[in-house]
Amino acid sequence: MPPSLGADLKIDSAMTLNQVRVGCDVRIRVLSGPGCDRLRDLGFCEQLQVRKLAGGRNLICSVCGTRMAISRELAEQVLVGPVG
């Protein structure tokens, strides 16, 4: 069973990628803000499943078998929800 996303995450709620616990799998719901077009160009887009591997100054995520680092500021513009 995957780790919990957050204490009170409901099936219809969303949170930012910053708020997700390390090791959790989530699905991207919305990319909204400056810089998100560049994320889409790199293949980091809506409906994609992502695993947060590390937090800190930059977040490291696994996307389609590739590790990608994004800034905390950019991760704040990525809304995610539970997989499933």
PDB file of N, CA and C in Angstrom:
ATOM      1  N   MET A   1       0.853  -1.180   0.000  1.00  0.00           N
ATOM      2  CA  MET A   1       0.000   0.000   0.000  1.00  0.00           C
ATOM      3  C   MET A   1       0.895   1.238   0.000  1.00  0.00           C
ATOM      4  N   PRO A   2       0.639   2.218  -0.917  1.00  0.00           N
ATOM      5  CA  PRO A   2       1.476   3.414  -0.966  1.00  0.00           C
ATOM      6  C   PRO A   2       1.274   4.285   0.261  1.00  0.00           C
ATOM      7  N   PRO A   3       2.276   5.098   0.595  1.00  0.00           N
ATOM      8  CA  PRO A   3       2.128   5.996   1.742  1.00  0.00           C
ATOM      9  C   PRO A   3       0.980   6.973   1.533  1.00  0.00           C
ATOM     10  N   SER A   4       0.449   7.471   2.613  1.00  0.00           N
ATOM     11  CA  SER A   4      -0.642   8.437   2.572  1.00  0.00           C
ATOM     12  C   SER A   4      -0.163   9.752   1.975  1.00  0.00           C
ATOM     13  N   LEU A   5      -1.006  10.395   1.168  1.00  0.00           N
ATOM     14  CA  LEU A   5      -0.654  11.674   0.555  1.00  0.00           C
ATOM     15  C   LEU A   5      -0.584  12.789   1.580  1.00  0.00           C
ATOM     16  N   GLY A   6      -1.484  12.788   2.474  1.00  0.00           N
ATOM     17  CA  GLY A   6      -1.566  13.827   3.486  1.00  0.00           C
ATOM     18  C   GLY A   6      -2.594  13.400   4.509  1.00  0.00           C
ATOM     19  N   ALA A   7      -2.654  14.079   5.606  1.00  0.00           N
ATOM     20  CA  ALA A   7      -3.512  13.669   6.712  1.00  0.00           C
ATOM     21  C   ALA A   7      -4.984  13.625   6.323  1.00  0.00           C
ATOM     22  N   ASP A   8      -5.475  14.623   5.601  1.00  0.00           N
ATOM     23  CA  ASP A   8      -6.916  14.715   5.338  1.00  0.00           C
ATOM     24  C   ASP A   8      -7.247  14.800   3.858  1.00  0.00           C
ATOM     25  N   LEU A   9      -6.464  14.193   2.993  1.00  0.00           N
ATOM     26  CA  LEU A   9      -6.726  14.278   1.562  1.00  0.00           C
ATOM     27  C   LEU A   9      -7.945  13.451   1.215  1.00  0.00           C
ATOM     28  N   LYS A  10      -8.916  14.071   0.602  1.00  0.00           N
ATOM     29  CA  LYS A  10     -10.120  13.385   0.158  1.00  0.00           C
ATOM     30  C   LYS A  10      -9.981  13.106  -1.334  1.00  0.00           C
ATOM     31  N   ILE A  11     -10.755  12.175  -1.844  1.00  0.00           N
ATOM     32  CA  ILE A  11     -10.647  11.733  -3.224  1.00  0.00           C
ATOM     33  C   ILE A  11     -10.874  12.867  -4.225  1.00  0.00           C
ATOM     34  N   ASP A  12     -11.673  13.888  -3.876  1.00  0.00           N
ATOM     35  CA  ASP A  12     -11.960  14.970  -4.811  1.00  0.00           C
ATOM     36  C   ASP A  12     -11.151  16.223  -4.506  1.00  0.00           C
ATOM     37  N   SER A  13     -10.203  16.156  -3.600  1.00  0.00           N
ATOM     38  CA  SER A  13      -9.416  17.332  -3.258  1.00  0.00           C
ATOM     39  C   SER A  13      -8.106  17.328  -4.030  1.00  0.00           C
ATOM     40  N   ALA A  14      -7.451  18.463  -4.023  1.00  0.00           N
ATOM     41  CA  ALA A  14      -6.149  18.589  -4.677  1.00  0.00           C
ATOM     42  C   ALA A  14      -5.214  19.321  -3.731  1.00  0.00           C
ATOM     43  N   MET A  15      -3.936  19.077  -3.926  1.00  0.00           N
ATOM     44  CA  MET A  15      -2.908  19.760  -3.147  1.00  0.00           C
ATOM     45  C   MET A  15      -1.751  20.061  -4.092  1.00  0.00           C
ATOM     46  N   THR A  16      -0.844  20.904  -3.643  1.00  0.00           N
ATOM     47  CA  THR A  16       0.305  21.193  -4.492  1.00  0.00           C
ATOM     48  C   THR A  16       1.326  20.072  -4.350  1.00  0.00           C
ATOM     49  N   LEU A  17       2.206  19.986  -5.310  1.00  0.00           N
ATOM     50  CA  LEU A  17       3.252  18.973  -5.271  1.00  0.00           C
ATOM     51  C   LEU A  17       4.157  19.168  -4.052  1.00  0.00           C
ATOM     52  N   ASN A  18       4.301  20.397  -3.591  1.00  0.00           N
ATOM     53  CA  ASN A  18       5.077  20.658  -2.374  1.00  0.00           C
ATOM     54  C   ASN A  18       4.480  19.960  -1.158  1.00  0.00           C
ATOM     55  N   GLN A  19       3.175  19.833  -1.097  1.00  0.00           N
ATOM     56  CA  GLN A  19       2.482  19.288   0.068  1.00  0.00           C
ATOM     57  C   GLN A  19       2.482  17.768   0.130  1.00  0.00           C
ATOM     58  N   VAL A  20       2.800  17.112  -0.952  1.00  0.00           N
ATOM     59  CA  VAL A  20       2.783  15.654  -1.020  1.00  0.00           C
ATOM     60  C   VAL A  20       3.987  15.093  -0.264  1.00  0.00           C
ATOM     61  N   ARG A  21       3.781  14.001   0.435  1.00  0.00           N
ATOM     62  CA  ARG A  21       4.871  13.347   1.156  1.00  0.00           C
ATOM     63  C   ARG A  21       5.820  12.644   0.187  1.00  0.00           C
ATOM     64  N   VAL A  22       7.088  12.593   0.549  1.00  0.00           N
ATOM     65  CA  VAL A  22       8.094  11.893  -0.245  1.00  0.00           C
ATOM     66  C   VAL A  22       7.712  10.413  -0.328  1.00  0.00           C
ATOM     67  N   GLY A  23       7.822   9.852  -1.518  1.00  0.00           N
ATOM     68  CA  GLY A  23       7.499   8.445  -1.741  1.00  0.00           C
ATOM     69  C   GLY A  23       6.098   8.197  -2.247  1.00  0.00           C
ATOM     70  N   CYS A  24       5.275   9.239  -2.322  1.00  0.00           N
ATOM     71  CA  CYS A  24       3.881   9.085  -2.753  1.00  0.00           C
ATOM     72  C   CYS A  24       3.735   9.216  -4.260  1.00  0.00           C
ATOM     73  N   ASP A  25       2.818   8.426  -4.804  1.00  0.00           N
ATOM     74  CA  ASP A  25       2.425   8.534  -6.201  1.00  0.00           C
ATOM     75  C   ASP A  25       1.190   9.404  -6.283  1.00  0.00           C
ATOM     76  N   VAL A  26       1.201  10.362  -7.200  1.00  0.00           N
ATOM     77  CA  VAL A  26       0.061  11.253  -7.410  1.00  0.00           C
ATOM     78  C   VAL A  26      -0.149  11.448  -8.905  1.00  0.00           C
ATOM     79  N   ARG A  27      -1.302  12.009  -9.251  1.00  0.00           N
ATOM     80  CA  ARG A  27      -1.602  12.342 -10.642  1.00  0.00           C
ATOM     81  C   ARG A  27      -1.727  13.854 -10.753  1.00  0.00           C
ATOM     82  N   ILE A  28      -1.079  14.421 -11.747  1.00  0.00           N
ATOM     83  CA  ILE A  28      -1.143  15.870 -11.957  1.00  0.00           C
ATOM     84  C   ILE A  28      -2.540  16.226 -12.448  1.00  0.00           C
ATOM     85  N   ARG A  29      -3.158  17.198 -11.791  1.00  0.00           N
ATOM     86  CA  ARG A  29      -4.487  17.672 -12.195  1.00  0.00           C
ATOM     87  C   ARG A  29      -4.397  18.953 -12.998  1.00  0.00           C
ATOM     88  N   VAL A  30      -3.651  19.933 -12.492  1.00  0.00           N
ATOM     89  CA  VAL A  30      -3.594  21.246 -13.149  1.00  0.00           C
ATOM     90  C   VAL A  30      -2.186  21.815 -13.021  1.00  0.00           C
ATOM     91  N   LEU A  31      -1.683  22.368 -14.108  1.00  0.00           N
ATOM     92  CA  LEU A  31      -0.464  23.174 -14.096  1.00  0.00           C
ATOM     93  C   LEU A  31      -0.905  24.599 -14.364  1.00  0.00           C
ATOM     94  N   SER A  32      -0.642  25.494 -13.436  1.00  0.00           N
ATOM     95  CA  SER A  32      -1.126  26.851 -13.576  1.00  0.00           C
ATOM     96  C   SER A  32      -0.120  27.846 -13.031  1.00  0.00           C
ATOM     97  N   GLY A  33       0.451  28.638 -13.916  1.00  0.00           N
ATOM     98  CA  GLY A  33       1.384  29.664 -13.490  1.00  0.00           C
ATOM     99  C   GLY A  33       2.509  29.832 -14.494  1.00  0.00           C
ATOM    100  N   PRO A  34       3.344  30.847 -14.253  1.00  0.00           N
ATOM    101  CA  PRO A  34       4.482  31.063 -15.153  1.00  0.00           C
ATOM    102  C   PRO A  34       5.452  29.892 -15.045  1.00  0.00           C
ATOM    103  N   GLY A  35       5.957  29.441 -16.152  1.00  0.00           N
ATOM    104  CA  GLY A  35       6.882  28.320 -16.151  1.00  0.00           C
ATOM    105  C   GLY A  35       6.217  26.990 -16.436  1.00  0.00           C
ATOM    106  N   CYS A  36       4.907  26.928 -16.325  1.00  0.00           N
ATOM    107  CA  CYS A  36       4.214  25.660 -16.541  1.00  0.00           C
ATOM    108  C   CYS A  36       4.225  25.231 -18.006  1.00  0.00           C
ATOM    109  N   ASP A  37       4.293  26.199 -18.913  1.00  0.00           N
ATOM    110  CA  ASP A  37       4.387  25.850 -20.336  1.00  0.00           C
ATOM    111  C   ASP A  37       5.683  25.089 -20.597  1.00  0.00           C
ATOM    112  N   ARG A  38       6.752  25.494 -19.930  1.00  0.00           N
ATOM    113  CA  ARG A  38       8.035  24.801 -20.081  1.00  0.00           C
ATOM    114  C   ARG A  38       7.947  23.383 -19.521  1.00  0.00           C
ATOM    115  N   LEU A  39       7.246  23.213 -18.395  1.00  0.00           N
ATOM    116  CA  LEU A  39       7.050  21.871 -17.851  1.00  0.00           C
ATOM    117  C   LEU A  39       6.310  20.983 -18.850  1.00  0.00           C
ATOM    118  N   ARG A  40       5.288  21.515 -19.477  1.00  0.00           N
ATOM    119  CA  ARG A  40       4.538  20.748 -20.482  1.00  0.00           C
ATOM    120  C   ARG A  40       5.445  20.359 -21.644  1.00  0.00           C
ATOM    121  N   ASP A  41       6.308  21.288 -22.077  1.00  0.00           N
ATOM    122  CA  ASP A  41       7.252  20.995 -23.161  1.00  0.00           C
ATOM    123  C   ASP A  41       8.168  19.825 -22.802  1.00  0.00           C
ATOM    124  N   LEU A  42       8.467  19.681 -21.512  1.00  0.00           N
ATOM    125  CA  LEU A  42       9.336  18.599 -21.042  1.00  0.00           C
ATOM    126  C   LEU A  42       8.571  17.304 -20.778  1.00  0.00           C
ATOM    127  N   GLY A  43       7.240  17.322 -20.969  1.00  0.00           N
ATOM    128  CA  GLY A  43       6.426  16.131 -20.780  1.00  0.00           C
ATOM    129  C   GLY A  43       5.784  16.004 -19.413  1.00  0.00           C
ATOM    130  N   PHE A  44       5.917  17.021 -18.590  1.00  0.00           N
ATOM    131  CA  PHE A  44       5.350  17.049 -17.236  1.00  0.00           C
ATOM    132  C   PHE A  44       4.000  17.731 -17.368  1.00  0.00           C
ATOM    133  N   CYS A  45       2.922  16.947 -17.590  1.00  0.00           N
ATOM    134  CA  CYS A  45       1.646  17.558 -17.937  1.00  0.00           C
ATOM    135  C   CYS A  45       0.474  16.903 -17.208  1.00  0.00           C
ATOM    136  N   GLU A  46      -0.707  17.470 -17.398  1.00  0.00           N
ATOM    137  CA  GLU A  46      -1.923  16.991 -16.754  1.00  0.00           C
ATOM    138  C   GLU A  46      -2.154  15.504 -17.040  1.00  0.00           C
ATOM    139  N   GLN A  47      -2.707  14.809 -16.059  1.00  0.00           N
ATOM    140  CA  GLN A  47      -3.052  13.383 -16.093  1.00  0.00           C
ATOM    141  C   GLN A  47      -1.847  12.459 -15.971  1.00  0.00           C
ATOM    142  N   LEU A  48      -0.660  13.010 -15.859  1.00  0.00           N
ATOM    143  CA  LEU A  48       0.544  12.201 -15.723  1.00  0.00           C
ATOM    144  C   LEU A  48       0.725  11.750 -14.281  1.00  0.00           C
ATOM    145  N   GLN A  49       1.128  10.504 -14.095  1.00  0.00           N
ATOM    146  CA  GLN A  49       1.415  10.002 -12.751  1.00  0.00           C
ATOM    147  C   GLN A  49       2.852  10.344 -12.401  1.00  0.00           C
ATOM    148  N   VAL A  50       3.041  10.833 -11.173  1.00  0.00           N
ATOM    149  CA  VAL A  50       4.345  11.292 -10.704  1.00  0.00           C
ATOM    150  C   VAL A  50       4.599  10.709  -9.316  1.00  0.00           C
ATOM    151  N   ARG A  51       5.837  10.377  -9.026  1.00  0.00           N
ATOM    152  CA  ARG A  51       6.229   9.974  -7.667  1.00  0.00           C
ATOM    153  C   ARG A  51       7.229  10.999  -7.149  1.00  0.00           C
ATOM    154  N   LYS A  52       6.937  11.541  -5.978  1.00  0.00           N
ATOM    155  CA  LYS A  52       7.852  12.495  -5.344  1.00  0.00           C
ATOM    156  C   LYS A  52       8.949  11.702  -4.649  1.00  0.00           C
ATOM    157  N   LEU A  53      10.194  11.908  -5.082  1.00  0.00           N
ATOM    158  CA  LEU A  53      11.325  11.158  -4.549  1.00  0.00           C
ATOM    159  C   LEU A  53      12.057  11.889  -3.436  1.00  0.00           C
ATOM    160  N   ALA A  54      12.091  13.210  -3.503  1.00  0.00           N
ATOM    161  CA  ALA A  54      12.812  13.982  -2.485  1.00  0.00           C
ATOM    162  C   ALA A  54      12.266  15.393  -2.438  1.00  0.00           C
ATOM    163  N   GLY A  55      12.316  15.966  -1.254  1.00  0.00           N
ATOM    164  CA  GLY A  55      11.940  17.357  -1.057  1.00  0.00           C
ATOM    165  C   GLY A  55      13.179  18.133  -0.665  1.00  0.00           C
ATOM    166  N   GLY A  56      13.029  19.403  -0.463  1.00  0.00           N
ATOM    167  CA  GLY A  56      14.167  20.246  -0.113  1.00  0.00           C
ATOM    168  C   GLY A  56      14.122  21.505  -0.940  1.00  0.00           C
ATOM    169  N   ARG A  57      15.279  22.066  -1.200  1.00  0.00           N
ATOM    170  CA  ARG A  57      15.331  23.288  -2.005  1.00  0.00           C
ATOM    171  C   ARG A  57      14.706  23.058  -3.385  1.00  0.00           C
ATOM    172  N   ASN A  58      15.008  21.905  -3.978  1.00  0.00           N
ATOM    173  CA  ASN A  58      14.376  21.458  -5.215  1.00  0.00           C
ATOM    174  C   ASN A  58      13.703  20.122  -4.946  1.00  0.00           C
ATOM    175  N   LEU A  59      12.606  19.851  -5.636  1.00  0.00           N
ATOM    176  CA  LEU A  59      11.922  18.577  -5.515  1.00  0.00           C
ATOM    177  C   LEU A  59      12.411  17.668  -6.623  1.00  0.00           C
ATOM    178  N   ILE A  60      12.582  16.409  -6.303  1.00  0.00           N
ATOM    179  CA  ILE A  60      12.950  15.427  -7.315  1.00  0.00           C
ATOM    180  C   ILE A  60      11.762  14.495  -7.471  1.00  0.00           C
ATOM    181  N   CYS A  61      11.327  14.347  -8.728  1.00  0.00           N
ATOM    182  CA  CYS A  61      10.167  13.513  -9.038  1.00  0.00           C
ATOM    183  C   CYS A  61      10.548  12.479 -10.080  1.00  0.00           C
ATOM    184  N   SER A  62       9.866  11.351 -10.033  1.00  0.00           N
ATOM    185  CA  SER A  62      10.002  10.340 -11.066  1.00  0.00           C
ATOM    186  C   SER A  62       8.818  10.492 -12.004  1.00  0.00           C
ATOM    187  N   VAL A  63       9.119  10.733 -13.277  1.00  0.00           N
ATOM    188  CA  VAL A  63       8.092  10.942 -14.297  1.00  0.00           C
ATOM    189  C   VAL A  63       8.410  10.021 -15.474  1.00  0.00           C
ATOM    190  N   CYS A  64       7.546   9.059 -15.729  1.00  0.00           N
ATOM    191  CA  CYS A  64       7.750   8.121 -16.848  1.00  0.00           C
ATOM    192  C   CYS A  64       9.131   7.473 -16.797  1.00  0.00           C
ATOM    193  N   GLY A  65       9.593   7.100 -15.606  1.00  0.00           N
ATOM    194  CA  GLY A  65      10.869   6.430 -15.460  1.00  0.00           C
ATOM    195  C   GLY A  65      12.081   7.347 -15.475  1.00  0.00           C
ATOM    196  N   THR A  66      11.848   8.645 -15.548  1.00  0.00           N
ATOM    197  CA  THR A  66      12.934   9.632 -15.572  1.00  0.00           C
ATOM    198  C   THR A  66      12.846  10.509 -14.341  1.00  0.00           C
ATOM    199  N   ARG A  67      13.986  10.823 -13.758  1.00  0.00           N
ATOM    200  CA  ARG A  67      14.007  11.738 -12.611  1.00  0.00           C
ATOM    201  C   ARG A  67      14.093  13.171 -13.107  1.00  0.00           C
ATOM    202  N   MET A  68      13.274  14.021 -12.492  1.00  0.00           N
ATOM    203  CA  MET A  68      13.231  15.427 -12.862  1.00  0.00           C
ATOM    204  C   MET A  68      13.256  16.263 -11.593  1.00  0.00           C
ATOM    205  N   ALA A  69      14.083  17.288 -11.567  1.00  0.00           N
ATOM    206  CA  ALA A  69      14.139  18.211 -10.433  1.00  0.00           C
ATOM    207  C   ALA A  69      13.436  19.503 -10.826  1.00  0.00           C
ATOM    208  N   ILE A  70      12.550  19.991  -9.942  1.00  0.00           N
ATOM    209  CA  ILE A  70      11.901  21.280 -10.166  1.00  0.00           C
ATOM    210  C   ILE A  70      11.997  22.088  -8.871  1.00  0.00           C
ATOM    211  N   SER A  71      11.939  23.389  -9.026  1.00  0.00           N
ATOM    212  CA  SER A  71      12.044  24.263  -7.859  1.00  0.00           C
ATOM    213  C   SER A  71      10.784  24.170  -7.010  1.00  0.00           C
ATOM    214  N   ARG A  72      10.907  24.539  -5.752  1.00  0.00           N
ATOM    215  CA  ARG A  72       9.746  24.560  -4.851  1.00  0.00           C
ATOM    216  C   ARG A  72       8.716  25.578  -5.353  1.00  0.00           C
ATOM    217  N   GLU A  73       9.186  26.677  -5.919  1.00  0.00           N
ATOM    218  CA  GLU A  73       8.268  27.696  -6.446  1.00  0.00           C
ATOM    219  C   GLU A  73       7.438  27.132  -7.599  1.00  0.00           C
ATOM    220  N   LEU A  74       8.069  26.383  -8.476  1.00  0.00           N
ATOM    221  CA  LEU A  74       7.349  25.779  -9.590  1.00  0.00           C
ATOM    222  C   LEU A  74       6.427  24.655  -9.103  1.00  0.00           C
ATOM    223  N   ALA A  75       6.877  23.869  -8.139  1.00  0.00           N
ATOM    224  CA  ALA A  75       6.057  22.784  -7.591  1.00  0.00           C
ATOM    225  C   ALA A  75       4.795  23.325  -6.924  1.00  0.00           C
ATOM    226  N   GLU A  76       4.839  24.556  -6.467  1.00  0.00           N
ATOM    227  CA  GLU A  76       3.662  25.187  -5.851  1.00  0.00           C
ATOM    228  C   GLU A  76       2.567  25.452  -6.901  1.00  0.00           C
ATOM    229  N   GLN A  77       2.929  25.471  -8.167  1.00  0.00           N
ATOM    230  CA  GLN A  77       1.987  25.716  -9.269  1.00  0.00           C
ATOM    231  C   GLN A  77       1.434  24.423  -9.871  1.00  0.00           C
ATOM    232  N   VAL A  78       1.846  23.274  -9.311  1.00  0.00           N
ATOM    233  CA  VAL A  78       1.404  21.972  -9.800  1.00  0.00           C
ATOM    234  C   VAL A  78       0.411  21.394  -8.798  1.00  0.00           C
ATOM    235  N   LEU A  79      -0.858  21.339  -9.186  1.00  0.00           N
ATOM    236  CA  LEU A  79      -1.887  20.736  -8.339  1.00  0.00           C
ATOM    237  C   LEU A  79      -2.015  19.256  -8.683  1.00  0.00           C
ATOM    238  N   VAL A  80      -2.007  18.426  -7.651  1.00  0.00           N
ATOM    239  CA  VAL A  80      -2.065  16.977  -7.844  1.00  0.00           C
ATOM    240  C   VAL A  80      -3.182  16.375  -7.011  1.00  0.00           C
ATOM    241  N   GLY A  81      -3.553  15.177  -7.374  1.00  0.00           N
ATOM    242  CA  GLY A  81      -4.555  14.426  -6.626  1.00  0.00           C
ATOM    243  C   GLY A  81      -4.147  12.976  -6.548  1.00  0.00           C
ATOM    244  N   PRO A  82      -4.919  12.175  -5.860  1.00  0.00           N
ATOM    245  CA  PRO A  82      -4.578  10.765  -5.704  1.00  0.00           C
ATOM    246  C   PRO A  82      -4.645  10.014  -7.022  1.00  0.00           C
ATOM    247  N   VAL A  83      -3.848   8.973  -7.130  1.00  0.00           N
ATOM    248  CA  VAL A  83      -3.874   8.096  -8.300  1.00  0.00           C
ATOM    249  C   VAL A  83      -5.086   7.188  -8.169  1.00  0.00           C
ATOM    250  N   GLY A  84      -5.784   7.015  -9.267  1.00  0.00           N
ATOM    251  CA  GLY A  84      -6.904   6.069  -9.192  1.00  0.00           C
ATOM    252  C   GLY A  84      -8.206   6.584  -9.588  1.00  0.00           C
TER     253      GLY A  84
END
